[in-house]
Amino acid sequence: MLLFKESEQNVDISLTNKNKMTDNNGIRSGSLQFYPRVRAKKVIPSANWKPIKKDGNGLQGFIGYKVGMVSVFAKDNTPDSLTKGKRITFPATVIECPKMKIYSVRFYKDGKVSSETVVANDKFLKRKLRVPTAIKELSAENDFDDVRVIVYSLVKNTGIGKKKPDVLEMALSGSSEEKMSWIKENLKNEISVKDIFGSGLVDIRAVTKAYGTNGPVKRFGISLKASKSEKGQRRPGSLAPWHPARVTFRAPQAGQTGFHNRITYNNAIVQVGSIEENNINPKRGFHRYGNVKNDFMVLAGSIPGPKKRGLLISAPLRPTKKQSKKNYEVLELR
């Protein structure tokens, strides 16, 4: 019996020692997909429009500005949902979408720009673009593969204090004839987000918050070494072996943190409206933003970037069935 008890004790001791010997160090975080981790070239990222497909005829994207987050009280009308028919609460992001106008029309042939016609010469465009004194009439080319438009946002109508318009190239959906007819109809008109997106899913391309240069602890989440460690605490123990005699990109090192181009896919549209029809502004305005003065869009969940930063709303690249089924009847925004 004593031998049996001793064996039991030995087993228990070995198990406890095994539990104590586990690795408590923080592993390297941060996706290896994004390399190199450098600053974004511009505040509003551009998109590769070739694989993106949107139903109907019109623009495939829109320029918006992040306002902040709210709590949405809604009735869940999603089929086969556990909360179907019930009142639920979930976080959402408000995006202000001032109207846009067309600056120029680009014709493409064999993947290259064959010609471009400027169709706008507003005075405030001189802050950012070279505006011609006289505008030429738009004449469609007989031989072109694709046609796109350069649009600019009327950001001066918002309350963020920005005067320079944001300019971006947008692709159109439909055939070549449908694209040209849409351009001629909206050549001098102000384009609203309500004409482009109503419901469904969208992708958000934005630039994340900037934190400057940080070390590997802040940048990749590795844990601190012991207090008496050699050559510093806030650094990895070893960057690389002797052979291969080089440091790979997988090693956590100091560098740029934040201000990177990032995409969030399949954001469900909760609501799209005008501030004149539906005033969603709080009494004191949104924190560190102010009041929304134009059209707006409410998306379920969060999106990258700080408040007041411009972002690109585009048609979904790879929509999923689970996200496409979501249907919410908004009761209140707080």
Protein backbone atom coordinates (compact mmCIF):
# COMPACT_ATOMS: atom_id res chain seq x y z
CA MET A 1 0.00 0.00 0.00
CA LEU A 2 2.80 2.33 0.79
CA LEU A 3 4.37 1.65 -2.57
CA PHE A 4 1.06 2.33 -4.26
CA LYS A 5 0.64 5.60 -2.39
CA GLU A 6 4.16 6.64 -3.25
CA SER A 7 3.52 5.93 -6.90
CA GLU A 8 0.32 7.97 -6.75
CA GLN A 9 2.21 10.84 -5.13
CA ASN A 10 4.91 10.63 -7.78
CA VAL A 11 2.33 10.85 -10.52
CA ASP A 12 0.68 13.85 -8.91
CA ILE A 13 4.00 15.61 -8.42
CA SER A 14 5.00 15.04 -12.02
CA LEU A 15 1.70 16.47 -13.23
CA THR A 16 2.01 19.56 -11.07
CA ASN A 17 5.57 20.10 -12.23
CA LYS A 18 4.44 19.74 -15.82
CA ASN A 19 1.81 22.42 -15.30
CA LYS A 20 4.36 24.72 -13.70
CA MET A 21 6.84 24.24 -16.53
CA THR A 22 4.51 25.63 -19.21
CA ASP A 23 5.73 28.53 -21.33
CA ASN A 24 4.30 31.77 -19.99
CA ASN A 25 6.11 34.01 -22.45
CA GLY A 26 4.01 36.06 -24.85
CA ILE A 27 4.35 34.75 -28.36
CA ARG A 28 4.96 36.99 -31.33
CA SER A 29 1.69 38.53 -32.51
CA GLY A 30 1.01 40.40 -35.70
CA SER A 31 0.15 38.88 -39.05
CA LEU A 32 3.00 37.95 -41.37
CA GLN A 33 0.76 38.81 -44.30
CA PHE A 34 1.62 42.51 -44.15
CA TYR A 35 5.18 43.15 -45.24
CA PRO A 36 6.89 45.55 -45.22
CA ARG A 37 5.25 47.39 -42.33
CA VAL A 38 5.74 50.91 -43.65
CA ARG A 39 3.71 54.08 -43.62
CA ALA A 40 0.89 54.40 -46.13
CA LYS A 41 1.65 56.57 -49.16
CA LYS A 42 -1.62 58.49 -48.88
CA VAL A 43 -4.43 58.91 -46.37
CA ILE A 44 -7.20 57.43 -48.54
CA PRO A 45 -6.05 54.16 -50.12
CA SER A 46 -6.89 53.27 -53.68
CA ALA A 47 -8.43 49.97 -54.79
CA ASN A 48 -7.83 47.39 -57.48
CA TRP A 49 -11.15 47.67 -59.27
CA LYS A 50 -10.70 44.77 -61.69
CA PRO A 51 -11.94 41.91 -59.46
CA ILE A 52 -14.68 43.98 -57.81
CA LYS A 53 -18.13 43.51 -59.31
CA LYS A 54 -21.24 45.48 -58.39
CA ASP A 55 -24.81 44.82 -59.45
CA GLY A 56 -26.52 47.49 -61.52
CA ASN A 57 -25.01 50.51 -63.19
CA GLY A 58 -23.03 53.24 -61.47
CA LEU A 59 -19.99 53.83 -59.28
CA GLN A 60 -18.42 50.93 -57.45
CA GLY A 61 -17.22 53.02 -54.53
CA PHE A 62 -17.65 56.18 -52.48
CA ILE A 63 -15.53 58.44 -50.25
CA GLY A 64 -16.58 58.78 -46.61
CA TYR A 65 -15.29 60.12 -43.31
CA LYS A 66 -15.33 58.23 -40.02
CA VAL A 67 -17.56 59.85 -37.40
CA GLY A 68 -17.51 57.42 -34.49
CA MET A 69 -19.31 54.46 -33.00
CA VAL A 70 -22.85 54.10 -31.66
CA SER A 71 -25.02 51.40 -30.12
CA VAL A 72 -27.79 50.17 -32.40
CA PHE A 73 -31.05 48.90 -30.93
CA ALA A 74 -32.64 46.86 -33.69
CA LYS A 75 -35.01 44.01 -34.42
CA ASP A 76 -33.24 41.00 -35.88
CA ASN A 77 -34.99 39.88 -39.07
CA THR A 78 -32.17 37.57 -40.15
CA PRO A 79 -33.53 34.19 -41.26
CA ASP A 80 -32.39 31.14 -39.25
CA SER A 81 -30.97 33.42 -36.56
CA LEU A 82 -31.08 32.48 -32.87
CA THR A 83 -32.40 35.98 -32.11
CA LYS A 84 -34.86 36.18 -34.99
CA GLY A 85 -37.74 38.51 -34.16
CA LYS A 86 -36.06 39.72 -30.96
CA ARG A 87 -34.61 43.09 -30.03
CA ILE A 88 -30.82 43.06 -30.00
CA THR A 89 -28.05 45.57 -29.37
CA PHE A 90 -24.78 45.70 -31.26
CA PRO A 91 -22.01 48.26 -31.93
CA ALA A 92 -21.91 50.13 -35.22
CA THR A 93 -19.86 52.81 -36.96
CA VAL A 94 -21.23 56.03 -38.46
CA ILE A 95 -19.63 57.33 -41.67
CA GLU A 96 -20.42 60.77 -43.08
CA CYS A 97 -20.61 60.72 -46.87
CA PRO A 98 -20.66 64.20 -48.42
CA LYS A 99 -21.65 64.35 -52.06
CA MET A 100 -19.08 63.87 -54.79
CA LYS A 101 -18.58 65.30 -58.27
CA ILE A 102 -16.71 64.13 -61.35
CA TYR A 103 -13.41 65.84 -62.08
CA SER A 104 -12.29 63.96 -65.20
CA VAL A 105 -13.04 60.94 -67.36
CA ARG A 106 -10.33 58.42 -68.25
CA PHE A 107 -10.40 56.05 -71.20
CA TYR A 108 -8.34 52.86 -71.05
CA LYS A 109 -6.93 50.78 -73.89
CA ASP A 110 -4.95 47.56 -73.29
CA GLY A 111 -4.73 48.35 -69.58
CA LYS A 112 -3.23 51.83 -70.09
CA VAL A 113 -4.72 55.33 -70.05
CA SER A 114 -5.29 56.33 -73.66
CA SER A 115 -6.83 59.76 -72.97
CA GLU A 116 -8.34 61.85 -70.18
CA THR A 117 -10.85 64.72 -70.35
CA VAL A 118 -11.23 67.18 -67.47
CA VAL A 119 -14.86 68.18 -66.98
CA ALA A 120 -14.69 70.36 -63.82
CA ASN A 121 -12.87 73.58 -62.94
CA ASP A 122 -14.27 74.64 -59.55
CA LYS A 123 -12.21 77.27 -57.77
CA PHE A 124 -11.55 75.24 -54.62
CA LEU A 125 -10.01 72.47 -56.76
CA LYS A 126 -6.98 74.73 -57.25
CA ARG A 127 -5.91 73.82 -53.71
CA LYS A 128 -5.02 70.33 -54.88
CA LEU A 129 -5.27 70.01 -58.68
CA ARG A 130 -4.33 71.87 -61.82
CA VAL A 131 -7.61 73.25 -63.09
CA PRO A 132 -7.84 74.28 -66.77
CA THR A 133 -9.26 77.66 -67.65
CA ALA A 134 -11.57 76.22 -70.31
CA ILE A 135 -13.34 72.87 -70.22
CA LYS A 136 -13.46 70.68 -73.29
CA GLU A 137 -16.58 68.80 -74.25
CA LEU A 138 -16.60 65.12 -73.45
CA SER A 139 -16.34 63.04 -76.61
CA ALA A 140 -16.35 59.28 -76.25
CA GLU A 141 -13.59 57.44 -78.01
CA ASN A 142 -14.50 54.80 -80.55
CA ASP A 143 -11.82 52.37 -79.44
CA PHE A 144 -11.50 51.84 -75.68
CA ASP A 145 -11.61 48.86 -73.34
CA ASP A 146 -12.70 50.57 -70.15
CA VAL A 147 -13.70 53.99 -68.85
CA ARG A 148 -13.33 55.31 -65.31
CA VAL A 149 -13.92 58.63 -63.57
CA ILE A 150 -11.82 60.75 -61.22
CA VAL A 151 -14.13 62.02 -58.47
CA TYR A 152 -13.62 64.52 -55.67
CA SER A 153 -15.52 64.83 -52.41
CA LEU A 154 -17.18 68.04 -51.24
CA VAL A 155 -15.48 67.78 -47.87
CA LYS A 156 -15.86 71.53 -47.32
CA ASN A 157 -19.55 70.88 -46.55
CA THR A 158 -18.65 68.81 -43.50
CA GLY A 159 -17.70 70.10 -40.06
CA ILE A 160 -14.23 68.55 -39.84
CA GLY A 161 -12.54 71.76 -40.96
CA LYS A 162 -10.96 70.39 -44.10
CA LYS A 163 -11.02 72.43 -47.32
CA LYS A 164 -8.91 70.42 -49.74
CA PRO A 165 -11.04 67.86 -51.58
CA ASP A 166 -10.04 64.21 -51.62
CA VAL A 167 -9.56 62.94 -55.16
CA LEU A 168 -9.78 59.29 -56.15
CA GLU A 169 -10.27 57.14 -59.24
CA MET A 170 -13.50 55.14 -59.30
CA ALA A 171 -14.56 52.30 -61.54
CA LEU A 172 -18.04 51.88 -63.00
CA SER A 173 -20.19 48.79 -63.30
CA GLY A 174 -22.04 47.69 -66.41
CA SER A 175 -21.18 47.55 -70.10
CA SER A 176 -19.24 50.26 -71.94
CA GLU A 177 -22.46 51.83 -73.25
CA GLU A 178 -24.04 51.84 -69.80
CA LYS A 179 -20.93 53.41 -68.30
CA MET A 180 -20.88 56.23 -70.88
CA SER A 181 -24.60 56.92 -70.43
CA TRP A 182 -24.18 57.12 -66.65
CA ILE A 183 -21.24 59.51 -67.01
CA LYS A 184 -23.18 61.82 -69.32
CA GLU A 185 -26.15 61.88 -66.95
CA ASN A 186 -24.02 62.70 -63.88
CA LEU A 187 -21.32 64.79 -65.53
CA LYS A 188 -22.12 67.98 -63.59
CA ASN A 189 -24.41 66.55 -60.92
CA GLU A 190 -23.64 65.95 -57.28
CA ILE A 191 -23.53 62.21 -56.59
CA SER A 192 -25.09 60.96 -53.34
CA VAL A 193 -24.20 57.80 -51.46
CA LYS A 194 -27.89 56.89 -51.43
CA ASP A 195 -27.70 56.48 -55.21
CA ILE A 196 -24.76 54.06 -54.93
CA PHE A 197 -25.40 51.95 -51.81
CA GLY A 198 -28.68 51.11 -50.13
CA SER A 199 -28.35 47.77 -48.38
CA GLY A 200 -26.18 44.69 -48.39
CA LEU A 201 -22.43 44.52 -47.82
CA VAL A 202 -19.48 46.85 -48.42
CA ASP A 203 -15.71 46.71 -48.01
CA ILE A 204 -13.88 49.47 -46.16
CA ARG A 205 -10.36 50.52 -47.11
CA ALA A 206 -8.75 52.87 -44.62
CA VAL A 207 -5.47 53.84 -42.99
CA THR A 208 -5.08 52.83 -39.36
CA LYS A 209 -4.12 55.05 -36.43
CA ALA A 210 -0.49 56.15 -36.39
CA TYR A 211 1.76 55.45 -33.40
CA GLY A 212 5.16 56.26 -34.91
CA THR A 213 8.22 54.10 -34.24
CA ASN A 214 7.77 51.51 -31.50
CA GLY A 215 9.71 48.56 -30.15
CA PRO A 216 8.87 44.89 -30.56
CA VAL A 217 6.95 44.72 -27.26
CA LYS A 218 4.44 47.34 -28.39
CA ARG A 219 4.58 46.34 -32.06
CA PHE A 220 4.25 42.55 -31.81
CA GLY A 221 3.19 41.91 -28.21
CA ILE A 222 6.20 39.88 -27.06
CA SER A 223 6.65 39.64 -23.29
CA LEU A 224 9.36 41.30 -21.25
CA LYS A 225 12.42 39.30 -20.38
CA ALA A 226 13.70 38.84 -16.84
CA SER A 227 14.87 41.90 -14.95
CA LYS A 228 18.51 40.86 -15.04
CA SER A 229 18.55 39.79 -18.68
CA GLU A 230 21.53 40.71 -20.79
CA LYS A 231 21.22 43.33 -23.54
CA GLY A 232 17.86 44.70 -22.52
CA GLN A 233 14.41 43.57 -21.42
CA ARG A 234 12.17 44.93 -24.18
CA ARG A 235 13.65 42.94 -27.04
CA PRO A 236 13.65 39.34 -28.27
CA GLY A 237 16.22 36.94 -26.87
CA SER A 238 17.66 36.00 -30.25
CA LEU A 239 17.09 37.52 -33.67
CA ALA A 240 18.37 34.56 -35.70
CA PRO A 241 20.65 31.49 -35.56
CA TRP A 242 24.20 31.40 -36.88
CA HIS A 243 23.04 29.59 -39.99
CA PRO A 244 21.31 30.78 -42.07
CA ALA A 245 23.36 33.85 -41.25
CA ARG A 246 20.68 36.44 -41.74
CA VAL A 247 17.71 37.93 -39.92
CA THR A 248 14.37 36.94 -41.46
CA PHE A 249 11.34 39.20 -41.63
CA ARG A 250 9.64 36.98 -39.04
CA ALA A 251 11.85 38.28 -36.23
CA PRO A 252 10.06 40.94 -34.17
CA GLN A 253 11.98 44.19 -34.44
CA ALA A 254 11.33 47.88 -33.86
CA GLY A 255 9.77 49.96 -36.61
CA GLN A 256 6.73 51.79 -37.88
CA THR A 257 3.55 51.07 -35.94
CA GLY A 258 0.22 52.13 -37.38
CA PHE A 259 -0.69 54.27 -40.39
CA HIS A 260 -0.98 51.16 -42.54
CA ASN A 261 -3.43 50.37 -45.35
CA ARG A 262 -6.00 47.87 -44.11
CA ILE A 263 -9.25 46.39 -45.45
CA THR A 264 -12.30 45.12 -43.57
CA TYR A 265 -14.43 42.83 -45.71
CA ASN A 266 -18.21 42.34 -45.77
CA ASN A 267 -19.39 45.08 -43.45
CA ALA A 268 -23.19 44.89 -43.18
CA ILE A 269 -25.02 48.12 -44.00
CA VAL A 270 -27.42 48.93 -41.16
CA GLN A 271 -28.75 52.23 -42.46
CA VAL A 272 -28.14 54.76 -45.23
CA GLY A 273 -29.87 58.12 -45.03
CA SER A 274 -29.77 61.90 -45.07
CA ILE A 275 -29.37 64.05 -41.99
CA GLU A 276 -32.32 66.16 -43.15
CA GLU A 277 -34.65 63.17 -43.12
CA ASN A 278 -33.18 61.38 -40.09
CA ASN A 279 -31.18 63.42 -37.59
CA ILE A 280 -28.88 60.99 -35.80
CA ASN A 281 -26.75 63.67 -34.11
CA PRO A 282 -26.56 63.58 -30.30
CA LYS A 283 -27.39 66.76 -28.38
CA ARG A 284 -23.75 67.74 -28.04
CA GLY A 285 -22.61 66.17 -31.31
CA PHE A 286 -20.37 63.18 -31.77
CA HIS A 287 -17.30 63.06 -29.52
CA ARG A 288 -14.29 64.70 -31.21
CA TYR A 289 -16.18 65.05 -34.46
CA GLY A 290 -19.16 67.37 -34.13
CA ASN A 291 -22.41 67.15 -36.03
CA VAL A 292 -23.07 65.20 -39.20
CA LYS A 293 -24.28 67.63 -41.88
CA ASN A 294 -24.58 65.40 -44.96
CA ASP A 295 -25.65 61.92 -45.96
CA PHE A 296 -24.45 59.15 -43.70
CA MET A 297 -24.00 55.40 -43.55
CA VAL A 298 -24.17 53.14 -40.50
CA LEU A 299 -22.16 49.90 -40.64
CA ALA A 300 -22.29 47.02 -38.17
CA GLY A 301 -19.05 46.62 -36.21
CA SER A 302 -15.90 48.71 -36.23
CA ILE A 303 -13.63 49.93 -39.03
CA PRO A 304 -9.97 50.97 -38.99
CA GLY A 305 -8.72 54.52 -38.65
CA PRO A 306 -9.31 57.46 -36.30
CA LYS A 307 -12.20 59.91 -36.42
CA LYS A 308 -12.35 62.47 -39.25
CA ARG A 309 -10.11 60.31 -41.45
CA GLY A 310 -11.21 59.66 -45.02
CA LEU A 311 -11.85 56.14 -46.22
CA LEU A 312 -12.98 54.30 -49.32
CA ILE A 313 -16.29 52.44 -49.34
CA SER A 314 -16.45 49.87 -52.13
CA ALA A 315 -18.61 47.02 -53.32
CA PRO A 316 -17.78 43.67 -51.67
CA LEU A 317 -14.91 41.73 -53.23
CA ARG A 318 -15.87 38.34 -51.78
CA PRO A 319 -19.32 38.45 -50.15
CA THR A 320 -20.27 35.61 -47.81
CA LYS A 321 -23.69 34.03 -47.34
CA LYS A 322 -23.64 34.52 -43.58
CA GLN A 323 -23.12 38.28 -43.83
CA SER A 324 -25.47 38.68 -46.80
CA LYS A 325 -28.36 37.16 -44.82
CA LYS A 326 -28.16 39.71 -42.02
CA ASN A 327 -31.20 41.98 -41.89
CA TYR A 328 -31.79 44.51 -39.12
CA GLU A 329 -34.75 46.80 -38.52
CA VAL A 330 -33.27 49.81 -36.73
CA LEU A 331 -35.27 51.00 -33.74
CA GLU A 332 -32.87 53.48 -32.13
CA LEU A 333 -29.29 54.74 -32.29
CA ARG A 334 -27.47 55.80 -29.14
